[in-house]
Amino acid sequence: MDIKLMRDFEELEGVDEGVHEGPTDSFADDEEIDETLRPHDVSTLSHAEILQELEARNIAAKGFPEQDRVLLHSIFVEEFQQTLDENKKRKADSRNRALRQADLQRKRLQMEKMLQEEQEERVKDYQTGMMIDLIKENMVEPSIRVDVNSISARSLAKAMWLNTTVTCMDLSSNNLDDHAGSYLARILKRNNCIVKIELDNNQLASKTCQAFGEALKVNTSLTYLSLDSNPLTSNWSYMVGFTSFADALRSNKTLRSLNLWRTNIGPQAGATLANAMQSNSTLLFVDVGYCGIDMDDVKAIVEKKDENLAAYERVERERRLDKASSIEIEKKQFEVQETLRKQKDLAEWLESRRDQRAETKRVEEEERLEKIRLEHEEKARVLAEIRERERKAAEEAEAKKKKKKAKAKAKK
């Protein structure tokens, strides 16, 4: 058997693992005891045998036969009682194991029966089954309306345990029974994403109230719960579930709106609710119209609700003022930072401009010097060319002069 499946089933059913009906004490009142059983008879033993029995138990003898006899008798009585108690405990343990096994078998059969019902319902209503699968896989919108019956509602509850996207769920006017309602209420024990549940106009009663009582003590997300037009106390007959529900309101810090209109919870439940409201500081809306509540309790509920609302509005005003003040401070800080940033940007820009100008001057100076160098080199080259031409011309003139002299000498 799947242990996780059984644990999920027990949690949805609102039972603890291993709990069984019937007595669980180690010594049942009706335990049969054999009246013929007696401690060993010391009177039939000789003094030597008594000494031997004491020595076997590592107990020192008194040294006097009568005292040793009394001592051994007390030991026999104590040992007999211990053996008797062990036998009783062994029988009680065996009986309790059988009870636990029978209880586990009962729950297993019940679980298998309910799983079979859910499977058959999926076959009959394929569209709802597909919707539940999409919810399980987080493939639906945050706000959903689901048409289920009391069987498919159980499958929906299991799917919602795994869902992390749905925040608002409308299950009103589905004619859901109290058992299905308890499953849906226990969604909140694991799911901390859903903030709004509407269960108006169903047949939810004491089991559902009990389950919501358990869930609201640990849930930290639900802010809106509507149980409009449900017989929560079955016309004042069952108060235990609603008492648990009201008790949870004492410690719950997230629920803001509770709709109990036309639930006819009666004067006793109304008094319980009014008393619980005195310890709640977060409920801002509570509709108890047509609930059969005494006017004094209605007045107490309304006054506490108004007190919570006034405190909430006061805190909100202070929060808004703090937020406005924080915004103003942040604005001024931003302006100062912006001024500093602009000053820094300007300083950096001026520094950059100075660097650019210096770089421009450096480049221009380098270009000027390079130009001068090139001009000097050009002048030197031109001068060298002129000198070279002059040298060649002088050499040519000298050569011609020598040639003329040679001719002149030759004519002589």
Protein backbone atom coordinates (compact mmCIF):
# COMPACT_ATOMS: atom_id res chain seq x y z
CA MET A 1 0.00 0.00 0.00
CA ASP A 2 1.26 3.50 -0.90
CA ILE A 3 2.20 5.10 2.45
CA LYS A 4 2.07 8.66 1.04
CA LEU A 5 -1.39 7.99 -0.41
CA MET A 6 -2.59 6.76 2.98
CA ARG A 7 -1.12 9.75 4.80
CA ASP A 8 -2.76 12.15 2.34
CA PHE A 9 -6.03 10.31 2.80
CA GLU A 10 -5.75 10.53 6.61
CA GLU A 11 -4.98 14.25 6.47
CA LEU A 12 -7.89 14.97 4.13
CA GLU A 13 -10.16 12.84 6.30
CA GLY A 14 -8.94 14.67 9.39
CA VAL A 15 -7.57 11.61 11.23
CA ASP A 16 -4.10 10.91 12.61
CA GLU A 17 -2.01 8.01 11.41
CA GLY A 18 -2.34 4.96 13.65
CA VAL A 19 -5.39 6.24 15.55
CA HIS A 20 -8.08 3.63 16.10
CA GLU A 21 -11.38 3.52 17.85
CA GLY A 22 -11.75 1.65 21.12
CA PRO A 23 -9.62 1.40 24.28
CA THR A 24 -5.87 1.71 23.93
CA ASP A 25 -4.81 1.44 27.59
CA SER A 26 -2.44 -1.35 28.49
CA PHE A 27 -4.72 -2.86 31.15
CA ALA A 28 -8.35 -3.19 30.14
CA ASP A 29 -10.92 -3.29 32.88
CA ASP A 30 -12.40 -6.50 31.50
CA GLU A 31 -9.04 -8.36 31.31
CA GLU A 32 -9.61 -11.93 32.41
CA ILE A 33 -7.34 -13.10 35.24
CA ASP A 34 -6.82 -16.76 36.13
CA GLU A 35 -7.92 -16.92 39.78
CA THR A 36 -6.01 -20.19 40.28
CA LEU A 37 -2.64 -18.52 39.81
CA ARG A 38 -0.83 -17.91 43.08
CA PRO A 39 2.75 -17.05 44.18
CA HIS A 40 5.05 -19.90 45.16
CA ASP A 41 4.21 -21.30 48.62
CA VAL A 42 7.19 -20.67 50.94
CA SER A 43 5.72 -22.87 53.68
CA THR A 44 6.51 -26.00 51.66
CA LEU A 45 10.23 -25.21 51.53
CA SER A 46 12.87 -26.18 54.07
CA HIS A 47 15.21 -23.58 55.53
CA ALA A 48 18.04 -24.91 53.34
CA GLU A 49 15.86 -24.51 50.24
CA ILE A 50 14.91 -20.97 51.33
CA LEU A 51 18.61 -20.09 51.69
CA GLN A 52 19.25 -21.57 48.27
CA GLU A 53 16.47 -19.46 46.70
CA LEU A 54 17.80 -16.27 48.35
CA GLU A 55 21.35 -17.03 47.22
CA ALA A 56 20.13 -17.60 43.64
CA ARG A 57 18.70 -14.08 43.74
CA ASN A 58 21.88 -12.60 45.28
CA ILE A 59 19.97 -11.61 48.41
CA ALA A 60 21.64 -11.96 51.80
CA ALA A 61 19.77 -14.10 54.34
CA LYS A 62 18.71 -12.60 57.66
CA GLY A 63 20.15 -15.52 59.61
CA PHE A 64 16.83 -16.43 61.26
CA PRO A 65 14.59 -19.05 59.63
CA GLU A 66 11.31 -17.19 60.17
CA GLN A 67 12.71 -13.87 58.89
CA ASP A 68 14.21 -15.61 55.86
CA ARG A 69 10.84 -17.25 55.18
CA VAL A 70 9.03 -13.86 55.34
CA LEU A 71 11.69 -12.26 53.10
CA LEU A 72 11.43 -15.00 50.47
CA HIS A 73 7.62 -14.84 50.60
CA SER A 74 7.68 -11.10 49.83
CA ILE A 75 10.07 -11.78 46.95
CA PHE A 76 7.76 -14.49 45.56
CA VAL A 77 4.76 -12.13 45.81
CA GLU A 78 6.66 -9.34 44.01
CA GLU A 79 7.86 -11.68 41.26
CA PHE A 80 4.36 -13.09 40.84
CA GLN A 81 2.87 -9.59 40.49
CA GLN A 82 5.55 -8.61 37.98
CA THR A 83 4.86 -11.72 35.91
CA LEU A 84 1.12 -11.03 36.12
CA ASP A 85 1.62 -7.43 34.96
CA GLU A 86 3.84 -8.54 32.08
CA ASN A 87 1.21 -11.03 30.94
CA LYS A 88 -1.48 -8.36 31.11
CA LYS A 89 0.66 -5.92 29.14
CA ARG A 90 1.47 -8.56 26.55
CA LYS A 91 -2.21 -9.34 26.04
CA ALA A 92 -3.11 -5.64 25.91
CA ASP A 93 -0.37 -4.97 23.36
CA SER A 94 -1.58 -7.85 21.26
CA ARG A 95 -5.14 -6.59 21.44
CA ASN A 96 -4.09 -3.04 20.55
CA ARG A 97 -2.04 -4.28 17.60
CA ALA A 98 -5.10 -6.14 16.37
CA LEU A 99 -7.20 -2.98 16.80
CA ARG A 100 -4.65 -0.89 14.91
CA GLN A 101 -4.48 -3.47 12.14
CA ALA A 102 -8.26 -3.59 11.92
CA ASP A 103 -8.39 0.22 11.87
CA LEU A 104 -5.73 0.37 9.15
CA GLN A 105 -7.65 -2.21 7.13
CA ARG A 106 -10.87 -0.23 7.58
CA LYS A 107 -9.20 2.98 6.42
CA ARG A 108 -7.56 1.18 3.49
CA LEU A 109 -10.90 -0.18 2.34
CA GLN A 110 -12.51 3.21 2.80
CA MET A 111 -9.72 4.88 0.82
CA GLU A 112 -9.94 2.32 -1.98
CA LYS A 113 -13.70 2.77 -2.13
CA MET A 114 -13.39 6.54 -2.37
CA LEU A 115 -10.62 6.33 -4.99
CA GLN A 116 -12.84 3.99 -7.01
CA GLU A 117 -15.69 6.51 -6.75
CA GLU A 118 -13.42 9.30 -7.91
CA GLN A 119 -12.18 7.26 -10.87
CA GLU A 120 -15.72 6.38 -11.90
CA GLU A 121 -16.72 10.03 -11.61
CA ARG A 122 -13.84 11.03 -13.93
CA VAL A 123 -15.16 8.58 -16.50
CA LYS A 124 -18.68 10.02 -16.23
CA ASP A 125 -17.55 13.67 -16.27
CA TYR A 126 -14.44 13.80 -18.45
CA GLN A 127 -14.51 17.59 -18.81
CA THR A 128 -14.35 18.20 -15.05
CA GLY A 129 -11.60 15.59 -14.77
CA MET A 130 -9.55 17.43 -17.39
CA MET A 131 -10.09 20.70 -15.52
CA ILE A 132 -8.83 19.12 -12.29
CA ASP A 133 -5.75 17.80 -14.12
CA LEU A 134 -5.01 21.29 -15.45
CA ILE A 135 -5.33 22.69 -11.92
CA LYS A 136 -2.91 20.06 -10.65
CA GLU A 137 -0.39 21.03 -13.35
CA ASN A 138 -0.75 24.82 -12.70
CA MET A 139 -2.18 25.37 -16.18
CA VAL A 140 -5.24 27.49 -15.25
CA GLU A 141 -5.93 31.16 -14.61
CA PRO A 142 -5.51 32.57 -11.08
CA SER A 143 -9.29 33.00 -10.70
CA ILE A 144 -11.43 29.94 -11.49
CA ARG A 145 -15.02 28.74 -11.28
CA VAL A 146 -15.31 24.93 -11.03
CA ASP A 147 -18.52 22.92 -11.30
CA VAL A 148 -18.00 19.78 -9.23
CA ASN A 149 -20.09 17.38 -7.21
CA SER A 150 -19.35 15.89 -3.81
CA ILE A 151 -17.13 13.18 -5.31
CA SER A 152 -15.13 15.21 -7.82
CA ALA A 153 -14.68 17.88 -5.14
CA ARG A 154 -12.40 15.42 -3.33
CA SER A 155 -10.22 15.10 -6.46
CA LEU A 156 -10.18 18.88 -6.73
CA ALA A 157 -8.98 19.19 -3.12
CA LYS A 158 -6.06 16.85 -3.83
CA ALA A 159 -5.16 18.82 -6.98
CA MET A 160 -5.24 22.09 -5.07
CA TRP A 161 -2.65 20.71 -2.62
CA LEU A 162 -0.17 20.81 -5.52
CA ASN A 163 -1.38 24.03 -7.16
CA THR A 164 0.58 27.28 -6.78
CA THR A 165 -1.23 29.54 -9.26
CA VAL A 166 -4.91 29.65 -8.26
CA THR A 167 -5.70 32.53 -5.89
CA CYS A 168 -9.51 32.76 -6.18
CA MET A 169 -11.83 29.74 -6.35
CA ASP A 170 -15.62 29.80 -6.74
CA LEU A 171 -17.39 26.54 -5.82
CA SER A 172 -20.78 27.98 -4.94
CA SER A 173 -24.11 26.33 -5.82
CA ASN A 174 -22.63 22.85 -6.39
CA ASN A 175 -24.79 21.11 -3.76
CA LEU A 176 -21.64 19.82 -2.06
CA ASP A 177 -22.12 17.68 1.05
CA ASP A 178 -20.38 18.17 4.40
CA HIS A 179 -17.76 15.50 3.70
CA ALA A 180 -16.69 17.18 0.44
CA GLY A 181 -16.63 20.52 2.26
CA SER A 182 -14.21 19.16 4.85
CA TYR A 183 -11.86 18.06 2.04
CA LEU A 184 -12.00 21.50 0.44
CA ALA A 185 -11.40 23.22 3.78
CA ARG A 186 -8.27 21.16 4.39
CA ILE A 187 -6.79 22.53 1.15
CA LEU A 188 -5.69 25.44 3.32
CA LYS A 189 -3.48 23.22 5.49
CA ARG A 190 -0.98 22.91 2.63
CA ASN A 191 -1.91 25.59 0.10
CA ASN A 192 -0.71 29.08 1.01
CA CYS A 193 -1.43 30.68 -2.37
CA ILE A 194 -5.21 30.84 -2.39
CA VAL A 195 -6.66 34.07 -0.98
CA LYS A 196 -10.38 33.76 -1.76
CA ILE A 197 -12.82 30.82 -1.50
CA GLU A 198 -16.53 31.01 -2.26
CA LEU A 199 -18.63 28.05 -1.07
CA ASP A 200 -22.07 29.68 -1.03
CA ASN A 201 -25.30 27.71 -1.31
CA ASN A 202 -24.05 24.18 -0.63
CA GLN A 203 -24.79 21.65 2.13
CA LEU A 204 -21.75 22.30 4.32
CA ALA A 205 -22.12 21.69 8.04
CA SER A 206 -20.18 20.71 11.17
CA LYS A 207 -17.40 18.67 9.50
CA THR A 208 -16.59 21.55 7.18
CA CYS A 209 -16.49 24.00 10.10
CA GLN A 210 -14.21 21.64 12.02
CA ALA A 211 -11.87 21.35 9.03
CA PHE A 212 -11.78 25.12 8.49
CA GLY A 213 -11.04 25.48 12.19
CA GLU A 214 -7.98 23.24 11.82
CA ALA A 215 -6.83 24.89 8.59
CA LEU A 216 -7.21 28.54 9.61
CA LYS A 217 -4.88 27.97 12.56
CA VAL A 218 -1.98 27.28 10.18
CA ASN A 219 -2.93 29.01 6.90
CA THR A 220 -1.38 32.40 6.18
CA SER A 221 -2.89 33.33 2.80
CA LEU A 222 -6.71 33.25 2.90
CA THR A 223 -8.29 36.71 3.20
CA TYR A 224 -11.86 36.07 1.97
CA LEU A 225 -14.15 33.18 2.94
CA SER A 226 -17.81 32.96 1.99
CA LEU A 227 -20.04 30.24 3.48
CA ASP A 228 -23.30 32.00 2.63
CA SER A 229 -26.47 29.83 2.74
CA ASN A 230 -24.96 26.68 4.27
CA PRO A 231 -26.47 24.82 7.29
CA LEU A 232 -23.25 25.12 9.30
CA THR A 233 -24.78 23.92 12.57
CA SER A 234 -27.56 21.81 11.01
CA ASN A 235 -30.21 24.08 12.51
CA TRP A 236 -28.40 24.42 15.87
CA SER A 237 -27.97 20.63 16.29
CA TYR A 238 -24.16 20.32 16.04
CA MET A 239 -22.00 23.00 17.67
CA VAL A 240 -18.61 21.25 17.97
CA GLY A 241 -17.48 22.04 14.43
CA PHE A 242 -18.52 25.68 14.56
CA THR A 243 -16.89 26.07 17.98
CA SER A 244 -13.60 24.90 16.45
CA PHE A 245 -14.09 27.30 13.54
CA ALA A 246 -14.76 30.24 15.86
CA ASP A 247 -11.79 29.31 18.02
CA ALA A 248 -9.49 29.48 14.97
CA LEU A 249 -10.54 33.10 14.43
CA ARG A 250 -8.84 33.99 17.71
CA SER A 251 -5.39 33.23 16.32
CA ASN A 252 -5.81 33.72 12.57
CA LYS A 253 -4.15 36.95 11.36
CA THR A 254 -4.88 36.97 7.62
CA LEU A 255 -8.65 36.54 7.14
CA ARG A 256 -10.23 39.94 6.36
CA SER A 257 -13.73 39.06 5.17
CA LEU A 258 -16.12 36.36 6.46
CA ASN A 259 -19.58 35.88 4.96
CA LEU A 260 -21.98 33.81 7.12
CA TRP A 261 -25.19 35.32 5.76
CA ARG A 262 -28.23 33.05 6.02
CA THR A 263 -26.36 30.16 7.69
CA ASN A 264 -28.78 30.07 10.67
CA ILE A 265 -26.03 29.11 13.11
CA GLY A 266 -28.27 29.93 16.10
CA PRO A 267 -27.84 31.83 19.37
CA GLN A 268 -25.31 29.46 20.96
CA ALA A 269 -22.98 29.55 17.95
CA GLY A 270 -23.58 33.29 17.71
CA ALA A 271 -22.40 33.77 21.28
CA THR A 272 -19.34 31.61 20.55
CA LEU A 273 -18.55 33.71 17.47
CA ALA A 274 -19.04 36.99 19.35
CA ASN A 275 -16.72 35.80 22.11
CA ALA A 276 -14.05 34.67 19.63
CA MET A 277 -14.26 37.98 17.78
CA GLN A 278 -13.06 39.80 20.88
CA SER A 279 -9.62 38.17 20.37
CA ASN A 280 -9.49 38.89 16.63
CA SER A 281 -7.98 42.11 15.33
CA THR A 282 -7.90 41.47 11.56
CA LEU A 283 -11.48 40.68 10.45
CA LEU A 284 -12.86 43.80 8.75
CA PHE A 285 -16.10 42.40 7.31
CA VAL A 286 -18.40 39.87 8.97
CA ASP A 287 -21.90 39.28 7.61
CA VAL A 288 -24.12 37.49 10.15
CA GLY A 289 -27.52 38.40 8.70
CA TYR A 290 -30.28 35.78 8.98
CA CYS A 291 -28.16 33.66 11.31
CA GLY A 292 -30.55 33.43 14.27
CA ILE A 293 -28.07 35.23 16.53
CA ASP A 294 -29.14 37.22 19.59
CA MET A 295 -29.05 40.96 19.01
CA ASP A 296 -26.54 41.50 21.83
CA ASP A 297 -24.13 39.14 20.11
CA VAL A 298 -24.76 40.76 16.72
CA LYS A 299 -23.99 44.11 18.29
CA ALA A 300 -20.78 42.76 19.86
CA ILE A 301 -19.66 41.32 16.51
CA VAL A 302 -20.42 44.55 14.63
CA GLU A 303 -18.70 46.72 17.24
CA LYS A 304 -15.57 44.55 17.16
CA LYS A 305 -15.59 44.53 13.37
CA ASP A 306 -15.89 48.34 13.34
CA GLU A 307 -13.07 48.57 15.89
CA ASN A 308 -10.87 46.39 13.68
CA LEU A 309 -11.77 48.46 10.62
CA ALA A 310 -10.98 51.74 12.39
CA ALA A 311 -7.63 50.35 13.55
CA TYR A 312 -6.91 49.08 10.06
CA GLU A 313 -7.73 52.45 8.48
CA ARG A 314 -5.59 54.21 11.07
CA VAL A 315 -2.68 51.94 10.31
CA GLU A 316 -3.26 52.42 6.59
CA ARG A 317 -3.29 56.20 6.97
CA GLU A 318 -0.07 56.05 8.94
CA ARG A 319 1.38 53.72 6.35
CA ARG A 320 0.36 56.07 3.53
CA LEU A 321 1.79 59.04 5.43
CA ASP A 322 4.97 57.11 6.10
CA LYS A 323 5.04 56.12 2.46
CA ALA A 324 4.45 59.75 1.36
CA SER A 325 7.13 60.89 3.78
CA SER A 326 9.45 58.20 2.52
CA ILE A 327 8.69 59.24 -1.06
CA GLU A 328 9.42 62.89 -0.21
CA ILE A 329 12.65 61.92 1.52
CA GLU A 330 13.58 59.71 -1.41
CA LYS A 331 12.72 62.59 -3.77
CA LYS A 332 14.98 64.99 -1.88
CA GLN A 333 17.71 62.38 -1.69
CA PHE A 334 17.29 61.86 -5.41
CA GLU A 335 17.51 65.60 -6.08
CA VAL A 336 20.66 65.86 -3.97
CA GLN A 337 22.13 62.84 -5.68
CA GLU A 338 21.09 64.24 -9.06
CA THR A 339 22.74 67.60 -8.24
CA LEU A 340 25.88 65.82 -7.12
CA ARG A 341 25.78 63.68 -10.21
CA LYS A 342 25.43 66.74 -12.46
CA GLN A 343 28.25 68.50 -10.65
CA LYS A 344 30.38 65.42 -11.02
CA ASP A 345 29.42 65.11 -14.69
CA LEU A 346 30.25 68.81 -15.24
CA ALA A 347 33.59 68.46 -13.48
CA GLU A 348 34.34 65.37 -15.51
CA TRP A 349 33.25 67.18 -18.69
CA LEU A 350 35.44 70.20 -17.90
CA GLU A 351 38.32 67.92 -17.07
CA SER A 352 37.69 66.05 -20.27
CA ARG A 353 37.59 69.35 -22.22
CA ARG A 354 40.83 70.43 -20.61
CA ASP A 355 42.37 67.12 -21.51
CA GLN A 356 41.00 67.43 -25.03
CA ARG A 357 42.38 70.97 -25.40
CA ALA A 358 45.73 69.91 -23.99
CA GLU A 359 45.75 66.96 -26.35
CA THR A 360 44.79 69.23 -29.27
CA LYS A 361 47.59 71.65 -28.37
CA ARG A 362 50.04 68.80 -28.03
CA VAL A 363 49.01 67.41 -31.39
CA GLU A 364 49.17 70.85 -33.01
CA GLU A 365 52.62 71.49 -31.48
CA GLU A 366 53.82 68.13 -32.70
CA GLU A 367 52.43 68.90 -36.15
CA ARG A 368 54.12 72.37 -36.13
CA LEU A 369 57.42 70.90 -35.08
CA GLU A 370 57.06 68.17 -37.65
CA LYS A 371 56.30 70.77 -40.31
CA ILE A 372 59.36 72.80 -39.29
CA ARG A 373 61.48 69.65 -39.36
CA LEU A 374 60.16 68.78 -42.79
CA GLU A 375 60.79 72.35 -44.02
CA HIS A 376 64.35 72.24 -42.68
CA GLU A 377 64.87 68.88 -44.28
CA GLU A 378 63.46 70.23 -47.58
CA LYS A 379 65.69 73.32 -47.44
CA ALA A 380 68.68 71.15 -46.63
CA ARG A 381 67.84 68.87 -49.55
CA VAL A 382 67.38 71.81 -51.94
CA LEU A 383 70.62 73.39 -50.71
CA ALA A 384 72.38 70.08 -51.15
CA GLU A 385 71.05 69.81 -54.68
CA ILE A 386 72.19 73.37 -55.50
CA ARG A 387 75.63 72.67 -54.09
CA GLU A 388 75.76 69.46 -56.03
CA ARG A 389 74.82 71.25 -59.24
CA GLU A 390 77.34 73.99 -58.54
CA ARG A 391 80.02 71.36 -57.86
CA LYS A 392 79.20 69.57 -61.08
CA ALA A 393 79.18 72.89 -62.98
CA ALA A 394 82.53 73.84 -61.48
CA GLU A 395 83.93 70.46 -62.39
CA GLU A 396 82.61 70.79 -65.93
CA ALA A 397 84.03 74.32 -66.22
CA GLU A 398 87.38 73.11 -64.89
CA ALA A 399 87.32 70.25 -67.33
CA LYS A 400 86.59 72.58 -70.26
CA LYS A 401 89.32 74.90 -69.12
CA LYS A 402 91.80 72.08 -68.99
CA LYS A 403 90.63 70.89 -72.40
CA LYS A 404 91.19 74.34 -73.92
CA LYS A 405 94.59 74.51 -72.40
CA ALA A 406 95.40 71.13 -73.80
CA LYS A 407 94.28 72.17 -77.28
CA ALA A 408 96.20 75.39 -77.05
CA LYS A 409 99.32 73.54 -76.06
CA ALA A 410 98.84 71.10 -78.88
CA LYS A 411 98.66 73.90 -81.51
CA LYS A 412 101.98 75.34 -80.33
